[in-house]
């Protein structure tokens, strides 16, 4: 099965801009990034990560958009704040053209109330999948290394001839 990088668009939704993007996120003390692609439509911003995870951000719920910097290396980012306090940061090509395009699209965007609960569920599912893969990798390492670790004391006790 091949994963598609094209997101699921709503009926009648129009694409305004798209760009390769990196999403930077901070949750408590943990932070990270995901590479993918960002689409601006007449209704929402859509980020799709390289491993298939899709995030939909309704423009109607956007309260602030501005260029900024993020992280230790001061990456140039598009900083988005939503009316529920959620913040998102994306590093994208030609970042200086995005704030105006996003605000123009927001002016004509209609409410998409069903999208916000789906976003939380999508993030939870993506995090669960990543944790499952990490758990499988760690279990495989333990299964392969444990017998070797148990043999080391036995090998040390063997008298030299």
N, C-alpha and C. Protein backbone atom coordinates (compact mmCIF):
# COMPACT_ATOMS: atom_id res chain seq x y z
N UNK A 1 0.83 -1.18 0.00
CA UNK A 1 0.00 0.00 0.00
C UNK A 1 0.88 1.24 0.00
N UNK A 2 0.61 2.18 -0.89
CA UNK A 2 1.39 3.41 -1.01
C UNK A 2 0.62 4.55 -0.37
N UNK A 3 1.31 5.32 0.46
CA UNK A 3 0.68 6.47 1.09
C UNK A 3 0.70 7.66 0.13
N UNK A 4 -0.41 8.35 0.02
CA UNK A 4 -0.52 9.51 -0.85
C UNK A 4 -0.19 10.77 -0.07
N UNK A 5 0.52 11.69 -0.71
CA UNK A 5 0.82 12.98 -0.08
C UNK A 5 -0.30 13.99 -0.33
N UNK A 6 -1.29 13.64 -1.15
CA UNK A 6 -2.40 14.55 -1.42
C UNK A 6 -3.44 14.42 -0.31
N UNK A 7 -3.82 15.55 0.30
CA UNK A 7 -4.80 15.48 1.39
C UNK A 7 -6.22 15.23 0.87
N UNK A 8 -7.11 15.00 1.80
CA UNK A 8 -8.53 14.86 1.47
C UNK A 8 -9.14 16.25 1.50
N UNK A 9 -9.62 16.71 0.36
CA UNK A 9 -10.25 18.03 0.28
C UNK A 9 -11.75 17.90 0.42
N UNK A 10 -12.38 18.97 0.92
CA UNK A 10 -13.83 19.03 1.05
C UNK A 10 -14.43 19.31 -0.33
N UNK A 11 -15.67 18.89 -0.56
CA UNK A 11 -16.32 19.20 -1.85
C UNK A 11 -16.35 20.72 -2.09
N UNK A 12 -15.88 21.15 -3.25
CA UNK A 12 -15.89 22.56 -3.61
C UNK A 12 -14.75 23.37 -3.02
N UNK A 13 -13.87 22.77 -2.26
CA UNK A 13 -12.76 23.49 -1.64
C UNK A 13 -11.72 23.86 -2.70
N UNK A 14 -11.21 25.09 -2.64
CA UNK A 14 -10.27 25.60 -3.64
C UNK A 14 -8.88 25.76 -3.02
N UNK A 15 -7.86 25.25 -3.70
CA UNK A 15 -6.48 25.40 -3.24
C UNK A 15 -5.97 26.78 -3.64
N UNK A 16 -5.40 27.51 -2.67
CA UNK A 16 -4.85 28.85 -2.92
C UNK A 16 -3.33 28.80 -3.01
N UNK A 17 -2.70 28.12 -2.07
CA UNK A 17 -1.23 27.99 -2.04
C UNK A 17 -0.88 26.62 -1.50
N UNK A 18 0.34 26.16 -1.85
CA UNK A 18 0.88 24.94 -1.26
C UNK A 18 2.39 25.05 -1.24
N UNK A 19 3.00 24.35 -0.29
CA UNK A 19 4.45 24.41 -0.15
C UNK A 19 4.95 23.23 0.70
N UNK A 20 6.15 22.74 0.40
CA UNK A 20 6.78 21.82 1.36
C UNK A 20 6.89 22.56 2.70
N UNK A 21 6.72 21.85 3.79
CA UNK A 21 6.69 22.52 5.09
C UNK A 21 7.24 21.62 6.19
N UNK A 22 7.68 22.26 7.25
CA UNK A 22 8.05 21.57 8.48
C UNK A 22 7.18 22.14 9.59
N UNK A 23 6.50 21.26 10.31
CA UNK A 23 5.68 21.68 11.45
C UNK A 23 6.52 21.53 12.71
N UNK A 24 6.65 22.61 13.46
CA UNK A 24 7.35 22.59 14.74
C UNK A 24 6.29 22.62 15.85
N UNK A 25 6.44 21.74 16.82
CA UNK A 25 5.45 21.71 17.89
C UNK A 25 6.14 21.59 19.23
N UNK A 26 5.46 22.09 20.25
CA UNK A 26 5.94 22.07 21.62
C UNK A 26 4.79 21.64 22.50
N UNK A 27 4.94 20.55 23.22
CA UNK A 27 3.92 20.07 24.15
C UNK A 27 4.60 19.86 25.50
N UNK A 28 4.42 20.83 26.40
CA UNK A 28 5.10 20.76 27.69
C UNK A 28 6.61 20.89 27.47
N UNK A 29 7.36 19.93 28.00
CA UNK A 29 8.81 19.95 27.82
C UNK A 29 9.23 19.27 26.52
N UNK A 30 8.31 18.54 25.90
CA UNK A 30 8.62 17.83 24.67
C UNK A 30 8.33 18.71 23.46
N UNK A 31 9.16 18.59 22.48
CA UNK A 31 8.95 19.30 21.23
C UNK A 31 9.49 18.47 20.10
N UNK A 32 9.21 18.88 18.91
CA UNK A 32 9.71 18.15 17.76
C UNK A 32 9.29 18.80 16.48
N UNK A 33 9.46 18.06 15.40
CA UNK A 33 9.09 18.58 14.09
C UNK A 33 8.65 17.42 13.20
N UNK A 34 7.84 17.77 12.20
CA UNK A 34 7.39 16.82 11.19
C UNK A 34 7.53 17.48 9.84
N UNK A 35 8.12 16.76 8.89
CA UNK A 35 8.23 17.27 7.53
C UNK A 35 7.05 16.79 6.72
N UNK A 36 6.59 17.64 5.83
CA UNK A 36 5.46 17.29 4.98
C UNK A 36 5.16 18.40 4.00
N UNK A 37 3.88 18.65 3.81
CA UNK A 37 3.44 19.67 2.88
C UNK A 37 2.25 20.41 3.48
N UNK A 38 2.19 21.74 3.22
CA UNK A 38 1.12 22.58 3.74
C UNK A 38 0.32 23.15 2.58
N UNK A 39 -1.00 23.04 2.68
CA UNK A 39 -1.92 23.60 1.69
C UNK A 39 -2.75 24.67 2.36
N UNK A 40 -2.96 25.79 1.67
CA UNK A 40 -3.91 26.81 2.07
C UNK A 40 -5.07 26.72 1.10
N UNK A 41 -6.27 26.50 1.63
CA UNK A 41 -7.46 26.48 0.78
C UNK A 41 -8.35 27.65 1.19
N UNK A 42 -9.48 27.78 0.56
CA UNK A 42 -10.41 28.85 0.91
C UNK A 42 -11.14 28.58 2.22
N UNK A 43 -10.93 27.41 2.84
CA UNK A 43 -11.61 27.05 4.09
C UNK A 43 -10.66 26.72 5.24
N UNK A 44 -9.45 26.24 4.91
CA UNK A 44 -8.58 25.74 5.98
C UNK A 44 -7.14 25.63 5.52
N UNK A 45 -6.27 25.40 6.50
CA UNK A 45 -4.89 25.01 6.26
C UNK A 45 -4.83 23.51 6.49
N UNK A 46 -4.15 22.80 5.60
CA UNK A 46 -4.02 21.35 5.73
C UNK A 46 -2.54 21.02 5.72
N UNK A 47 -2.09 20.31 6.75
CA UNK A 47 -0.71 19.83 6.79
C UNK A 47 -0.74 18.32 6.70
N UNK A 48 0.05 17.78 5.80
CA UNK A 48 0.14 16.33 5.68
C UNK A 48 1.60 15.95 5.82
N UNK A 49 1.89 15.14 6.83
CA UNK A 49 3.26 14.71 7.10
C UNK A 49 3.66 13.60 6.14
N UNK A 50 4.95 13.41 6.02
CA UNK A 50 5.48 12.41 5.10
C UNK A 50 5.00 11.00 5.36
N UNK A 51 4.62 10.68 6.60
CA UNK A 51 4.16 9.32 6.90
C UNK A 51 2.64 9.19 6.84
N UNK A 52 1.96 10.18 6.24
CA UNK A 52 0.53 10.06 6.00
C UNK A 52 -0.38 10.77 6.96
N UNK A 53 0.12 11.27 8.07
CA UNK A 53 -0.70 11.96 9.06
C UNK A 53 -1.19 13.29 8.49
N UNK A 54 -2.48 13.56 8.57
CA UNK A 54 -3.07 14.79 8.05
C UNK A 54 -3.69 15.60 9.17
N UNK A 55 -3.44 16.91 9.15
CA UNK A 55 -3.98 17.82 10.15
C UNK A 55 -4.74 18.92 9.43
N UNK A 56 -5.96 19.20 9.86
CA UNK A 56 -6.81 20.21 9.24
C UNK A 56 -7.05 21.34 10.24
N UNK A 57 -6.72 22.57 9.83
CA UNK A 57 -6.87 23.73 10.69
C UNK A 57 -7.83 24.72 10.04
N UNK A 58 -9.06 24.84 10.56
CA UNK A 58 -10.06 25.73 9.95
C UNK A 58 -9.66 27.21 10.04
N UNK A 59 -9.72 27.90 8.92
CA UNK A 59 -9.38 29.32 8.90
C UNK A 59 -10.36 30.14 9.73
N UNK A 60 -11.60 29.69 9.79
CA UNK A 60 -12.64 30.41 10.53
C UNK A 60 -12.23 30.58 12.00
N UNK A 61 -11.51 29.61 12.55
CA UNK A 61 -11.11 29.63 13.96
C UNK A 61 -9.75 30.30 14.19
N UNK A 62 -9.15 30.82 13.14
CA UNK A 62 -7.84 31.47 13.24
C UNK A 62 -8.00 32.87 13.84
N UNK A 63 -7.24 33.17 14.87
CA UNK A 63 -7.35 34.50 15.48
C UNK A 63 -6.14 35.38 15.17
N UNK A 64 -4.97 34.77 14.86
CA UNK A 64 -3.79 35.58 14.56
C UNK A 64 -2.84 34.79 13.66
N UNK A 65 -2.24 35.48 12.70
CA UNK A 65 -1.22 34.88 11.84
C UNK A 65 -0.10 35.91 11.67
N UNK A 66 1.13 35.45 11.86
CA UNK A 66 2.27 36.36 11.74
C UNK A 66 3.54 35.57 11.48
N UNK A 67 4.49 36.19 10.79
CA UNK A 67 5.79 35.53 10.64
C UNK A 67 6.53 35.62 11.97
N UNK A 68 7.40 34.68 12.21
CA UNK A 68 8.17 34.69 13.44
C UNK A 68 9.37 33.78 13.33
N UNK A 69 10.01 33.52 14.45
CA UNK A 69 11.13 32.59 14.51
C UNK A 69 10.85 31.57 15.60
N UNK A 70 11.48 30.40 15.47
CA UNK A 70 11.22 29.33 16.44
C UNK A 70 12.48 28.50 16.63
N UNK A 71 12.70 28.09 17.86
CA UNK A 71 13.76 27.14 18.18
C UNK A 71 15.12 27.76 18.39
N UNK A 72 16.04 26.91 18.74
CA UNK A 72 17.41 27.31 19.04
C UNK A 72 18.09 27.97 17.84
N UNK A 73 17.75 27.53 16.63
CA UNK A 73 18.38 28.06 15.43
C UNK A 73 17.56 29.16 14.76
N UNK A 74 16.51 29.64 15.44
CA UNK A 74 15.67 30.73 14.94
C UNK A 74 15.17 30.49 13.52
N UNK A 75 14.51 29.33 13.32
CA UNK A 75 13.91 29.03 12.03
C UNK A 75 12.80 30.03 11.76
N UNK A 76 12.73 30.55 10.53
CA UNK A 76 11.63 31.43 10.14
C UNK A 76 10.37 30.59 10.02
N UNK A 77 9.32 31.00 10.70
CA UNK A 77 8.08 30.23 10.72
C UNK A 77 6.87 31.12 10.51
N UNK A 78 5.80 30.49 10.05
CA UNK A 78 4.48 31.10 10.02
C UNK A 78 3.83 30.70 11.34
N UNK A 79 3.57 31.67 12.21
CA UNK A 79 3.03 31.41 13.55
C UNK A 79 1.53 31.67 13.51
N UNK A 80 0.75 30.64 13.81
CA UNK A 80 -0.71 30.71 13.78
C UNK A 80 -1.26 30.52 15.19
N UNK A 81 -2.23 31.35 15.57
CA UNK A 81 -2.91 31.20 16.85
C UNK A 81 -4.40 31.08 16.56
N UNK A 82 -5.05 30.10 17.22
CA UNK A 82 -6.47 29.86 17.01
C UNK A 82 -7.26 30.33 18.22
N UNK A 83 -8.58 30.49 18.03
CA UNK A 83 -9.41 31.06 19.10
C UNK A 83 -9.51 30.17 20.34
N UNK A 84 -9.10 28.90 20.25
CA UNK A 84 -9.08 28.04 21.44
C UNK A 84 -7.72 28.05 22.14
N UNK A 85 -6.79 28.92 21.68
CA UNK A 85 -5.47 29.03 22.28
C UNK A 85 -4.41 28.17 21.62
N UNK A 86 -4.79 27.29 20.73
CA UNK A 86 -3.85 26.41 20.04
C UNK A 86 -2.91 27.25 19.18
N UNK A 87 -1.64 26.87 19.20
CA UNK A 87 -0.64 27.54 18.37
C UNK A 87 0.03 26.52 17.47
N UNK A 88 0.27 26.91 16.23
CA UNK A 88 0.97 26.07 15.26
C UNK A 88 2.05 26.90 14.60
N UNK A 89 3.17 26.24 14.25
CA UNK A 89 4.28 26.90 13.58
C UNK A 89 4.73 26.05 12.40
N UNK A 90 4.86 26.70 11.24
CA UNK A 90 5.29 26.01 10.04
C UNK A 90 6.41 26.78 9.37
N UNK A 91 7.46 26.08 9.01
CA UNK A 91 8.52 26.64 8.18
C UNK A 91 8.17 26.28 6.75
N UNK A 92 8.05 27.29 5.88
CA UNK A 92 7.61 27.06 4.51
C UNK A 92 8.40 27.94 3.54
N UNK A 93 8.37 27.56 2.27
CA UNK A 93 9.04 28.35 1.23
C UNK A 93 8.29 29.66 1.03
N UNK A 94 9.00 30.72 0.74
CA UNK A 94 8.44 32.05 0.51
C UNK A 94 7.47 32.44 1.62
N UNK A 95 7.94 32.32 2.84
CA UNK A 95 7.11 32.55 4.02
C UNK A 95 6.50 33.95 4.05
N UNK A 96 7.20 34.93 3.48
CA UNK A 96 6.71 36.31 3.55
C UNK A 96 5.41 36.52 2.77
N UNK A 97 5.06 35.62 1.85
CA UNK A 97 3.82 35.77 1.08
C UNK A 97 2.62 35.10 1.75
N UNK A 98 2.86 34.29 2.77
CA UNK A 98 1.78 33.51 3.38
C UNK A 98 0.85 34.28 4.31
N UNK A 99 1.33 35.14 5.21
CA UNK A 99 0.39 35.79 6.14
C UNK A 99 -0.76 36.51 5.42
N UNK A 100 -0.45 37.30 4.40
CA UNK A 100 -1.49 38.02 3.68
C UNK A 100 -2.46 37.06 2.98
N UNK A 101 -1.92 36.00 2.37
CA UNK A 101 -2.77 35.02 1.69
C UNK A 101 -3.70 34.32 2.69
N UNK A 102 -3.18 33.99 3.87
CA UNK A 102 -3.99 33.32 4.89
C UNK A 102 -5.10 34.25 5.38
N UNK A 103 -4.76 35.52 5.64
CA UNK A 103 -5.76 36.48 6.13
C UNK A 103 -6.83 36.74 5.07
N UNK A 104 -6.45 36.81 3.81
CA UNK A 104 -7.41 37.01 2.73
C UNK A 104 -8.36 35.82 2.65
N UNK A 105 -7.81 34.60 2.74
CA UNK A 105 -8.65 33.39 2.69
C UNK A 105 -9.56 33.32 3.91
N UNK A 106 -9.04 33.72 5.07
CA UNK A 106 -9.85 33.68 6.31
C UNK A 106 -11.08 34.58 6.19
N UNK A 107 -10.94 35.71 5.51
CA UNK A 107 -12.05 36.66 5.39
C UNK A 107 -13.28 36.02 4.74
N UNK A 108 -13.08 35.04 3.87
CA UNK A 108 -14.21 34.39 3.21
C UNK A 108 -14.51 33.00 3.71
N UNK A 109 -13.81 32.55 4.74
CA UNK A 109 -13.99 31.17 5.24
C UNK A 109 -15.25 31.04 6.09
N UNK A 110 -15.91 29.91 5.94
CA UNK A 110 -17.10 29.63 6.74
C UNK A 110 -16.75 28.66 7.87
N UNK A 111 -17.58 28.58 8.91
CA UNK A 111 -17.29 27.69 10.04
C UNK A 111 -17.26 26.22 9.61
N UNK A 112 -16.32 25.48 10.19
CA UNK A 112 -16.22 24.03 9.99
C UNK A 112 -16.16 23.39 11.38
N UNK A 113 -17.24 23.40 12.14
CA UNK A 113 -17.19 22.96 13.54
C UNK A 113 -16.82 21.49 13.71
N UNK A 114 -17.11 20.65 12.73
CA UNK A 114 -16.83 19.23 12.86
C UNK A 114 -15.34 18.91 12.76
N UNK A 115 -14.53 19.86 12.31
CA UNK A 115 -13.12 19.60 12.09
C UNK A 115 -12.31 19.61 13.38
N UNK A 116 -12.65 20.47 14.34
CA UNK A 116 -11.84 20.60 15.54
C UNK A 116 -11.77 19.31 16.37
N UNK A 117 -12.88 18.60 16.65
CA UNK A 117 -12.77 17.34 17.38
C UNK A 117 -11.98 16.29 16.58
N UNK A 118 -12.11 16.30 15.26
CA UNK A 118 -11.37 15.34 14.43
C UNK A 118 -9.87 15.57 14.55
N UNK A 119 -9.46 16.83 14.66
CA UNK A 119 -8.04 17.16 14.77
C UNK A 119 -7.43 16.52 16.01
N UNK A 120 -8.10 16.62 17.14
CA UNK A 120 -7.59 16.02 18.38
C UNK A 120 -7.50 14.50 18.23
N UNK A 121 -8.50 13.88 17.61
CA UNK A 121 -8.49 12.44 17.41
C UNK A 121 -7.37 12.02 16.45
N UNK A 122 -7.12 12.79 15.39
CA UNK A 122 -6.06 12.47 14.44
C UNK A 122 -4.70 12.52 15.13
N UNK A 123 -4.47 13.56 15.95
CA UNK A 123 -3.20 13.66 16.66
C UNK A 123 -3.01 12.50 17.62
N UNK A 124 -4.07 12.11 18.32
CA UNK A 124 -4.00 11.00 19.26
C UNK A 124 -3.67 9.70 18.52
N UNK A 125 -4.32 9.47 17.39
CA UNK A 125 -4.07 8.26 16.60
C UNK A 125 -2.64 8.23 16.08
N UNK A 126 -2.16 9.37 15.60
CA UNK A 126 -0.79 9.44 15.08
C UNK A 126 0.22 9.18 16.19
N UNK A 127 0.00 9.76 17.38
CA UNK A 127 0.91 9.54 18.50
C UNK A 127 0.90 8.09 18.94
N UNK A 128 -0.27 7.45 18.95
CA UNK A 128 -0.38 6.05 19.33
C UNK A 128 0.39 5.16 18.35
N UNK A 129 0.28 5.45 17.07
CA UNK A 129 0.98 4.66 16.05
C UNK A 129 2.49 4.80 16.21
N UNK A 130 2.98 6.01 16.44
CA UNK A 130 4.41 6.23 16.61
C UNK A 130 4.91 5.51 17.86
N UNK A 131 4.17 5.59 18.96
CA UNK A 131 4.57 4.91 20.19
C UNK A 131 4.57 3.39 20.02
N UNK A 132 3.63 2.86 19.24
CA UNK A 132 3.60 1.41 18.99
C UNK A 132 4.83 0.97 18.22
N UNK A 133 5.23 1.74 17.23
CA UNK A 133 6.43 1.40 16.45
C UNK A 133 7.67 1.47 17.34
N UNK A 134 7.77 2.50 18.16
CA UNK A 134 8.92 2.63 19.07
C UNK A 134 8.94 1.45 20.03
N UNK A 135 7.78 1.04 20.55
CA UNK A 135 7.71 -0.11 21.45
C UNK A 135 8.16 -1.39 20.78
N UNK A 136 7.76 -1.61 19.54
CA UNK A 136 8.19 -2.81 18.80
C UNK A 136 9.69 -2.81 18.56
N UNK A 137 10.24 -1.68 18.22
CA UNK A 137 11.69 -1.59 18.00
C UNK A 137 12.44 -1.87 19.31
N UNK A 138 11.99 -1.28 20.40
CA UNK A 138 12.66 -1.50 21.70
C UNK A 138 12.54 -2.96 22.14
N UNK A 139 11.38 -3.56 21.94
CA UNK A 139 11.20 -4.97 22.30
C UNK A 139 12.12 -5.86 21.47
N UNK A 140 12.27 -5.57 20.20
CA UNK A 140 13.16 -6.34 19.33
C UNK A 140 14.60 -6.24 19.80
N UNK A 141 15.01 -5.05 20.19
CA UNK A 141 16.38 -4.86 20.68
C UNK A 141 16.60 -5.66 21.95
N UNK A 142 15.65 -5.60 22.87
CA UNK A 142 15.77 -6.33 24.14
C UNK A 142 15.84 -7.83 23.88
N UNK A 143 15.00 -8.32 23.00
CA UNK A 143 14.98 -9.76 22.70
C UNK A 143 16.30 -10.21 22.08
N UNK A 144 16.89 -9.38 21.24
CA UNK A 144 18.14 -9.75 20.58
C UNK A 144 19.35 -9.59 21.49
N UNK A 145 19.36 -8.58 22.35
CA UNK A 145 20.53 -8.27 23.16
C UNK A 145 20.54 -9.03 24.49
N UNK A 146 19.39 -9.34 25.05
CA UNK A 146 19.31 -9.99 26.36
C UNK A 146 20.12 -11.28 26.44
N UNK A 147 20.02 -12.19 25.47
CA UNK A 147 20.83 -13.41 25.58
C UNK A 147 22.34 -13.13 25.59
N UNK A 148 22.77 -12.13 24.85
CA UNK A 148 24.19 -11.78 24.83
C UNK A 148 24.65 -11.23 26.18
N UNK A 149 23.82 -10.42 26.78
CA UNK A 149 24.16 -9.84 28.08
C UNK A 149 24.25 -10.94 29.13
N UNK A 150 23.38 -11.93 29.04
CA UNK A 150 23.42 -13.05 29.99
C UNK A 150 24.66 -13.92 29.80
N UNK A 151 25.19 -14.00 28.62
CA UNK A 151 26.37 -14.82 28.34
C UNK A 151 27.67 -14.17 28.79
N UNK A 152 27.73 -12.87 28.89
CA UNK A 152 28.97 -12.18 29.24
C UNK A 152 29.52 -12.64 30.58
N UNK A 153 28.72 -12.71 31.68
CA UNK A 153 29.28 -13.19 32.94
C UNK A 153 29.79 -14.64 32.83
N UNK A 154 29.09 -15.47 32.08
CA UNK A 154 29.53 -16.87 31.94
C UNK A 154 30.87 -16.93 31.21
N UNK A 155 31.04 -16.09 30.20
CA UNK A 155 32.30 -16.08 29.45
C UNK A 155 33.44 -15.56 30.31
N UNK A 156 33.16 -14.65 31.21
CA UNK A 156 34.20 -14.11 32.10
C UNK A 156 34.63 -15.14 33.14
N UNK A 157 33.76 -16.10 33.49
CA UNK A 157 34.08 -17.08 34.48
C UNK A 157 34.84 -18.28 33.93
N UNK A 158 34.88 -18.40 32.61
CA UNK A 158 35.59 -19.52 32.00
C UNK A 158 37.09 -19.31 32.21
N UNK A 159 37.76 -20.32 32.83
CA UNK A 159 39.20 -20.17 33.10
C UNK A 159 39.97 -20.17 31.79
N UNK A 160 40.99 -19.33 31.75
CA UNK A 160 41.84 -19.27 30.56
C UNK A 160 42.76 -20.48 30.53
N UNK A 161 42.95 -21.07 29.40
CA UNK A 161 43.80 -22.26 29.27
C UNK A 161 45.23 -21.90 29.03
